[in-house]
Structures are given as structure tokens and as C-alpha cells.
Amino acid sequence: MKSVSVRIDDDIKARWERLSDEHGLNASHLMRQAIVEKLEELEDFYTVRQRLSEPFDPVPDEDVWKRAGLAD
């Protein structure tokens, strides 16, 4: 596993240490998990942004109702 050095404000470091100490969490694991969660959030955001920028054909209302099982 690789190491990464990150500069953070003192107050963020204090919050991180307090949370890990109060709840018996491994500080490195806590930081890794936070990074993974943010990466997943950003990947989802940019995927949606890309897909929304591509043209798409509109779907008639009747088809939407049928697909949802709400057709008359």
C-alpha cells in the first residue's frame, strides 16, 4: 500500500483525531474511508454530468405511464 502526504488545517486534524479517539477508530482507516467515499461521490457526479450533456430522444408521456404500469 502506498503512502500519501496531505496538508490539512489544524482544526480538521483535531476533529479527525478526536473522532478516531472517541470512537476507537483507526485514524488511517478513517481517512482512507473518507477519501474513498468522496471519490465515489465525485465519480458519480461526473458520470451524471457527462450523461446529461449528451443529447437524448424524448419519451412520450404514454410510454412513461406504460413502463410505470400506470397506463389506462
PDB file of N, CA and C in Angstrom:
ATOM      1  N   MET A   1       0.843  -1.168   0.000  1.00  0.00           N
ATOM      2  CA  MET A   1       0.000   0.000   0.000  1.00  0.00           C
ATOM      3  C   MET A   1       0.892   1.236   0.000  1.00  0.00           C
ATOM      4  N   LYS A   2       0.517   2.222  -0.798  1.00  0.00           N
ATOM      5  CA  LYS A   2       1.287   3.465  -0.909  1.00  0.00           C
ATOM      6  C   LYS A   2       0.890   4.458   0.184  1.00  0.00           C
ATOM      7  N   SER A   3       1.806   5.364   0.485  1.00  0.00           N
ATOM      8  CA  SER A   3       1.534   6.441   1.434  1.00  0.00           C
ATOM      9  C   SER A   3       1.332   7.736   0.667  1.00  0.00           C
ATOM     10  N   VAL A   4       0.474   8.599   1.208  1.00  0.00           N
ATOM     11  CA  VAL A   4       0.213   9.899   0.614  1.00  0.00           C
ATOM     12  C   VAL A   4       0.309  10.936   1.718  1.00  0.00           C
ATOM     13  N   SER A   5       0.959  12.035   1.419  1.00  0.00           N
ATOM     14  CA  SER A   5       1.071  13.120   2.387  1.00  0.00           C
ATOM     15  C   SER A   5       0.088  14.219   1.995  1.00  0.00           C
ATOM     16  N   VAL A   6      -0.697  14.683   2.972  1.00  0.00           N
ATOM     17  CA  VAL A   6      -1.712  15.697   2.713  1.00  0.00           C
ATOM     18  C   VAL A   6      -1.588  16.789   3.761  1.00  0.00           C
ATOM     19  N   ARG A   7      -1.699  18.031   3.342  1.00  0.00           N
ATOM     20  CA  ARG A   7      -1.687  19.147   4.280  1.00  0.00           C
ATOM     21  C   ARG A   7      -3.130  19.494   4.634  1.00  0.00           C
ATOM     22  N   ILE A   8      -3.424  19.536   5.940  1.00  0.00           N
ATOM     23  CA  ILE A   8      -4.765  19.906   6.402  1.00  0.00           C
ATOM     24  C   ILE A   8      -4.642  20.930   7.519  1.00  0.00           C
ATOM     25  N   ASP A   9      -5.685  21.723   7.671  1.00  0.00           N
ATOM     26  CA  ASP A   9      -5.709  22.724   8.738  1.00  0.00           C
ATOM     27  C   ASP A   9      -5.689  22.035  10.100  1.00  0.00           C
ATOM     28  N   ASP A  10      -5.181  22.759  11.094  1.00  0.00           N
ATOM     29  CA  ASP A  10      -5.102  22.216  12.453  1.00  0.00           C
ATOM     30  C   ASP A  10      -6.468  21.801  12.994  1.00  0.00           C
ATOM     31  N   ASP A  11      -7.508  22.592  12.687  1.00  0.00           N
ATOM     32  CA  ASP A  11      -8.833  22.258  13.215  1.00  0.00           C
ATOM     33  C   ASP A  11      -9.378  20.969  12.593  1.00  0.00           C
ATOM     34  N   ILE A  12      -9.090  20.738  11.325  1.00  0.00           N
ATOM     35  CA  ILE A  12      -9.522  19.492  10.681  1.00  0.00           C
ATOM     36  C   ILE A  12      -8.780  18.312  11.290  1.00  0.00           C
ATOM     37  N   LYS A  13      -7.486  18.475  11.514  1.00  0.00           N
ATOM     38  CA  LYS A  13      -6.698  17.400  12.124  1.00  0.00           C
ATOM     39  C   LYS A  13      -7.208  17.090  13.533  1.00  0.00           C
ATOM     40  N   ALA A  14      -7.540  18.133  14.281  1.00  0.00           N
ATOM     41  CA  ALA A  14      -8.048  17.936  15.644  1.00  0.00           C
ATOM     42  C   ALA A  14      -9.389  17.195  15.621  1.00  0.00           C
ATOM     43  N   ARG A  15     -10.261  17.550  14.689  1.00  0.00           N
ATOM     44  CA  ARG A  15     -11.553  16.859  14.566  1.00  0.00           C
ATOM     45  C   ARG A  15     -11.351  15.398  14.215  1.00  0.00           C
ATOM     46  N   TRP A  16     -10.435  15.146  13.280  1.00  0.00           N
ATOM     47  CA  TRP A  16     -10.133  13.782  12.831  1.00  0.00           C
ATOM     48  C   TRP A  16      -9.603  12.945  13.997  1.00  0.00           C
ATOM     49  N   GLU A  17      -8.662  13.506  14.741  1.00  0.00           N
ATOM     50  CA  GLU A  17      -8.083  12.788  15.880  1.00  0.00           C
ATOM     51  C   GLU A  17      -9.113  12.570  16.988  1.00  0.00           C
ATOM     52  N   ARG A  18      -9.937  13.591  17.266  1.00  0.00           N
ATOM     53  CA  ARG A  18     -10.963  13.470  18.304  1.00  0.00           C
ATOM     54  C   ARG A  18     -11.961  12.374  17.947  1.00  0.00           C
ATOM     55  N   LEU A  19     -12.415  12.368  16.708  1.00  0.00           N
ATOM     56  CA  LEU A  19     -13.383  11.361  16.275  1.00  0.00           C
ATOM     57  C   LEU A  19     -12.806   9.956  16.371  1.00  0.00           C
ATOM     58  N   SER A  20     -11.582   9.790  15.902  1.00  0.00           N
ATOM     59  CA  SER A  20     -10.973   8.459  15.951  1.00  0.00           C
ATOM     60  C   SER A  20     -10.718   8.026  17.395  1.00  0.00           C
ATOM     61  N   ASP A  21     -10.296   8.953  18.257  1.00  0.00           N
ATOM     62  CA  ASP A  21     -10.055   8.619  19.668  1.00  0.00           C
ATOM     63  C   ASP A  21     -11.354   8.298  20.414  1.00  0.00           C
ATOM     64  N   GLU A  22     -12.370   9.138  20.238  1.00  0.00           N
ATOM     65  CA  GLU A  22     -13.632   8.967  20.965  1.00  0.00           C
ATOM     66  C   GLU A  22     -14.339   7.659  20.621  1.00  0.00           C
ATOM     67  N   HIS A  23     -14.175   7.214  19.379  1.00  0.00           N
ATOM     68  CA  HIS A  23     -14.913   6.035  18.926  1.00  0.00           C
ATOM     69  C   HIS A  23     -14.026   4.822  18.692  1.00  0.00           C
ATOM     70  N   GLY A  24     -12.756   4.926  19.106  1.00  0.00           N
ATOM     71  CA  GLY A  24     -11.837   3.802  18.970  1.00  0.00           C
ATOM     72  C   GLY A  24     -11.585   3.395  17.533  1.00  0.00           C
ATOM     73  N   LEU A  25     -11.557   4.379  16.647  1.00  0.00           N
ATOM     74  CA  LEU A  25     -11.344   4.105  15.232  1.00  0.00           C
ATOM     75  C   LEU A  25      -9.875   4.227  14.876  1.00  0.00           C
ATOM     76  N   ASN A  26      -9.461   3.462  13.901  1.00  0.00           N
ATOM     77  CA  ASN A  26      -8.114   3.581  13.376  1.00  0.00           C
ATOM     78  C   ASN A  26      -8.080   4.847  12.518  1.00  0.00           C
ATOM     79  N   ALA A  27      -7.213   5.795  12.879  1.00  0.00           N
ATOM     80  CA  ALA A  27      -7.176   7.088  12.201  1.00  0.00           C
ATOM     81  C   ALA A  27      -6.883   6.946  10.710  1.00  0.00           C
ATOM     82  N   SER A  28      -5.976   6.052  10.347  1.00  0.00           N
ATOM     83  CA  SER A  28      -5.659   5.846   8.927  1.00  0.00           C
ATOM     84  C   SER A  28      -6.852   5.270   8.180  1.00  0.00           C
ATOM     85  N   HIS A  29      -7.533   4.319   8.809  1.00  0.00           N
ATOM     86  CA  HIS A  29      -8.719   3.728   8.177  1.00  0.00           C
ATOM     87  C   HIS A  29      -9.798   4.790   7.979  1.00  0.00           C
ATOM     88  N   LEU A  30      -9.986   5.640   8.979  1.00  0.00           N
ATOM     89  CA  LEU A  30     -10.974   6.707   8.902  1.00  0.00           C
ATOM     90  C   LEU A  30     -10.677   7.629   7.721  1.00  0.00           C
ATOM     91  N   MET A  31      -9.426   8.016   7.556  1.00  0.00           N
ATOM     92  CA  MET A  31      -9.033   8.899   6.459  1.00  0.00           C
ATOM     93  C   MET A  31      -9.206   8.204   5.111  1.00  0.00           C
ATOM     94  N   ARG A  32      -8.787   6.926   5.032  1.00  0.00           N
ATOM     95  CA  ARG A  32      -8.952   6.160   3.787  1.00  0.00           C
ATOM     96  C   ARG A  32     -10.417   6.081   3.390  1.00  0.00           C
ATOM     97  N   GLN A  33     -11.270   5.773   4.368  1.00  0.00           N
ATOM     98  CA  GLN A  33     -12.701   5.644   4.095  1.00  0.00           C
ATOM     99  C   GLN A  33     -13.285   6.969   3.617  1.00  0.00           C
ATOM    100  N   ALA A  34     -12.881   8.065   4.225  1.00  0.00           N
ATOM    101  CA  ALA A  34     -13.371   9.384   3.813  1.00  0.00           C
ATOM    102  C   ALA A  34     -12.957   9.687   2.374  1.00  0.00           C
ATOM    103  N   ILE A  35     -11.728   9.343   2.021  1.00  0.00           N
ATOM    104  CA  ILE A  35     -11.241   9.578   0.658  1.00  0.00           C
ATOM    105  C   ILE A  35     -12.009   8.716  -0.333  1.00  0.00           C
ATOM    106  N   VAL A  36     -12.203   7.442  -0.014  1.00  0.00           N
ATOM    107  CA  VAL A  36     -12.931   6.531  -0.906  1.00  0.00           C
ATOM    108  C   VAL A  36     -14.359   7.033  -1.125  1.00  0.00           C
ATOM    109  N   GLU A  37     -15.035   7.428  -0.046  1.00  0.00           N
ATOM    110  CA  GLU A  37     -16.411   7.911  -0.170  1.00  0.00           C
ATOM    111  C   GLU A  37     -16.487   9.160  -1.034  1.00  0.00           C
ATOM    112  N   LYS A  38     -15.547  10.077  -0.869  1.00  0.00           N
ATOM    113  CA  LYS A  38     -15.556  11.301  -1.678  1.00  0.00           C
ATOM    114  C   LYS A  38     -15.251  10.985  -3.132  1.00  0.00           C
ATOM    115  N   LEU A  39     -14.317  10.079  -3.387  1.00  0.00           N
ATOM    116  CA  LEU A  39     -14.018   9.685  -4.765  1.00  0.00           C
ATOM    117  C   LEU A  39     -15.249   9.087  -5.442  1.00  0.00           C
ATOM    118  N   GLU A  40     -15.961   8.220  -4.734  1.00  0.00           N
ATOM    119  CA  GLU A  40     -17.170   7.614  -5.299  1.00  0.00           C
ATOM    120  C   GLU A  40     -18.223   8.676  -5.599  1.00  0.00           C
ATOM    121  N   GLU A  41     -18.371   9.633  -4.704  1.00  0.00           N
ATOM    122  CA  GLU A  41     -19.324  10.727  -4.908  1.00  0.00           C
ATOM    123  C   GLU A  41     -18.957  11.539  -6.146  1.00  0.00           C
ATOM    124  N   LEU A  42     -17.676  11.878  -6.288  1.00  0.00           N
ATOM    125  CA  LEU A  42     -17.228  12.656  -7.439  1.00  0.00           C
ATOM    126  C   LEU A  42     -17.355  11.868  -8.740  1.00  0.00           C
ATOM    127  N   GLU A  43     -17.041  10.574  -8.702  1.00  0.00           N
ATOM    128  CA  GLU A  43     -17.192   9.744  -9.902  1.00  0.00           C
ATOM    129  C   GLU A  43     -18.650   9.715 -10.350  1.00  0.00           C
ATOM    130  N   ASP A  44     -19.566   9.556  -9.406  1.00  0.00           N
ATOM    131  CA  ASP A  44     -20.993   9.564  -9.740  1.00  0.00           C
ATOM    132  C   ASP A  44     -21.407  10.913 -10.316  1.00  0.00           C
ATOM    133  N   PHE A  45     -20.968  11.989  -9.689  1.00  0.00           N
ATOM    134  CA  PHE A  45     -21.312  13.330 -10.144  1.00  0.00           C
ATOM    135  C   PHE A  45     -20.860  13.559 -11.580  1.00  0.00           C
ATOM    136  N   TYR A  46     -19.594  13.228 -11.889  1.00  0.00           N
ATOM    137  CA  TYR A  46     -19.078  13.468 -13.231  1.00  0.00           C
ATOM    138  C   TYR A  46     -19.690  12.529 -14.262  1.00  0.00           C
ATOM    139  N   THR A  47     -20.076  11.324 -13.856  1.00  0.00           N
ATOM    140  CA  THR A  47     -20.773  10.420 -14.771  1.00  0.00           C
ATOM    141  C   THR A  47     -22.133  11.001 -15.140  1.00  0.00           C
ATOM    142  N   VAL A  48     -22.877  11.464 -14.145  1.00  0.00           N
ATOM    143  CA  VAL A  48     -24.188  12.063 -14.404  1.00  0.00           C
ATOM    144  C   VAL A  48     -24.036  13.316 -15.248  1.00  0.00           C
ATOM    145  N   ARG A  49     -23.079  14.142 -14.919  1.00  0.00           N
ATOM    146  CA  ARG A  49     -22.855  15.377 -15.679  1.00  0.00           C
ATOM    147  C   ARG A  49     -22.560  15.076 -17.140  1.00  0.00           C
ATOM    148  N   GLN A  50     -21.730  14.066 -17.385  1.00  0.00           N
ATOM    149  CA  GLN A  50     -21.399  13.677 -18.752  1.00  0.00           C
ATOM    150  C   GLN A  50     -22.640  13.175 -19.484  1.00  0.00           C
ATOM    151  N   ARG A  51     -23.403  12.316 -18.831  1.00  0.00           N
ATOM    152  CA  ARG A  51     -24.597  11.753 -19.472  1.00  0.00           C
ATOM    153  C   ARG A  51     -25.637  12.827 -19.764  1.00  0.00           C
ATOM    154  N   LEU A  52     -25.774  13.801 -18.879  1.00  0.00           N
ATOM    155  CA  LEU A  52     -26.744  14.870 -19.099  1.00  0.00           C
ATOM    156  C   LEU A  52     -26.317  15.815 -20.211  1.00  0.00           C
ATOM    157  N   SER A  53     -25.039  15.854 -20.519  1.00  0.00           N
ATOM    158  CA  SER A  53     -24.558  16.733 -21.584  1.00  0.00           C
ATOM    159  C   SER A  53     -24.760  16.113 -22.963  1.00  0.00           C
ATOM    160  N   GLU A  54     -25.072  14.819 -23.002  1.00  0.00           N
ATOM    161  CA  GLU A  54     -25.286  14.132 -24.278  1.00  0.00           C
ATOM    162  C   GLU A  54     -26.751  14.262 -24.683  1.00  0.00           C
ATOM    163  N   PRO A  55     -27.002  14.468 -25.999  1.00  0.00           N
ATOM    164  CA  PRO A  55     -28.397  14.574 -26.445  1.00  0.00           C
ATOM    165  C   PRO A  55     -29.145  13.254 -26.252  1.00  0.00           C
ATOM    166  N   PHE A  56     -30.436  13.353 -26.020  1.00  0.00           N
ATOM    167  CA  PHE A  56     -31.256  12.151 -25.865  1.00  0.00           C
ATOM    168  C   PHE A  56     -32.620  12.403 -26.496  1.00  0.00           C
ATOM    169  N   ASP A  57     -33.250  11.328 -26.902  1.00  0.00           N
ATOM    170  CA  ASP A  57     -34.580  11.425 -27.501  1.00  0.00           C
ATOM    171  C   ASP A  57     -35.625  11.485 -26.392  1.00  0.00           C
ATOM    172  N   PRO A  58     -36.597  12.390 -26.538  1.00  0.00           N
ATOM    173  CA  PRO A  58     -37.651  12.453 -25.528  1.00  0.00           C
ATOM    174  C   PRO A  58     -38.526  11.199 -25.568  1.00  0.00           C
ATOM    175  N   VAL A  59     -39.123  10.872 -24.440  1.00  0.00           N
ATOM    176  CA  VAL A  59     -40.020   9.716 -24.332  1.00  0.00           C
ATOM    177  C   VAL A  59     -41.438  10.253 -24.161  1.00  0.00           C
ATOM    178  N   PRO A  60     -42.357   9.825 -25.030  1.00  0.00           N
ATOM    179  CA  PRO A  60     -43.745  10.300 -24.899  1.00  0.00           C
ATOM    180  C   PRO A  60     -44.342   9.912 -23.542  1.00  0.00           C
ATOM    181  N   ASP A  61     -45.230  10.763 -23.029  1.00  0.00           N
ATOM    182  CA  ASP A  61     -45.872  10.516 -21.731  1.00  0.00           C
ATOM    183  C   ASP A  61     -46.520   9.140 -21.661  1.00  0.00           C
ATOM    184  N   GLU A  62     -47.179   8.745 -22.737  1.00  0.00           N
ATOM    185  CA  GLU A  62     -47.879   7.458 -22.750  1.00  0.00           C
ATOM    186  C   GLU A  62     -46.916   6.307 -22.478  1.00  0.00           C
ATOM    187  N   ASP A  63     -45.717   6.384 -23.061  1.00  0.00           N
ATOM    188  CA  ASP A  63     -44.717   5.331 -22.847  1.00  0.00           C
ATOM    189  C   ASP A  63     -44.231   5.303 -21.394  1.00  0.00           C
ATOM    190  N   VAL A  64     -44.093   6.480 -20.813  1.00  0.00           N
ATOM    191  CA  VAL A  64     -43.666   6.556 -19.409  1.00  0.00           C
ATOM    192  C   VAL A  64     -44.711   5.884 -18.522  1.00  0.00           C
ATOM    193  N   TRP A  65     -45.992   6.204 -18.744  1.00  0.00           N
ATOM    194  CA  TRP A  65     -47.067   5.612 -17.934  1.00  0.00           C
ATOM    195  C   TRP A  65     -47.108   4.097 -18.103  1.00  0.00           C
ATOM    196  N   LYS A  66     -46.920   3.626 -19.346  1.00  0.00           N
ATOM    197  CA  LYS A  66     -46.924   2.177 -19.592  1.00  0.00           C
ATOM    198  C   LYS A  66     -45.773   1.501 -18.851  1.00  0.00           C
ATOM    199  N   ARG A  67     -44.582   2.076 -18.953  1.00  0.00           N
ATOM    200  CA  ARG A  67     -43.405   1.491 -18.287  1.00  0.00           C
ATOM    201  C   ARG A  67     -43.572   1.460 -16.768  1.00  0.00           C
ATOM    202  N   ALA A  68     -44.296   2.454 -16.249  1.00  0.00           N
ATOM    203  CA  ALA A  68     -44.514   2.529 -14.799  1.00  0.00           C
ATOM    204  C   ALA A  68     -45.721   1.688 -14.363  1.00  0.00           C
ATOM    205  N   GLY A  69     -46.399   1.079 -15.341  1.00  0.00           N
ATOM    206  CA  GLY A  69     -47.570   0.263 -15.022  1.00  0.00           C
ATOM    207  C   GLY A  69     -48.789   1.086 -14.653  1.00  0.00           C
ATOM    208  N   LEU A  70     -48.841   2.321 -15.127  1.00  0.00           N
ATOM    209  CA  LEU A  70     -49.941   3.224 -14.785  1.00  0.00           C
ATOM    210  C   LEU A  70     -50.818   3.561 -15.983  1.00  0.00           C
ATOM    211  N   ALA A  71     -50.653   2.819 -17.080  1.00  0.00           N
ATOM    212  CA  ALA A  71     -51.441   3.095 -18.286  1.00  0.00           C
ATOM    213  C   ALA A  71     -52.897   2.735 -18.054  1.00  0.00           C
ATOM    214  N   ASP A  72     -53.782   3.466 -18.730  1.00  0.00           N
ATOM    215  CA  ASP A  72     -55.230   3.190 -18.614  1.00  0.00           C
ATOM    216  C   ASP A  72     -55.589   1.867 -19.225  1.00  0.00           C
TER     217      ASP A  72
END
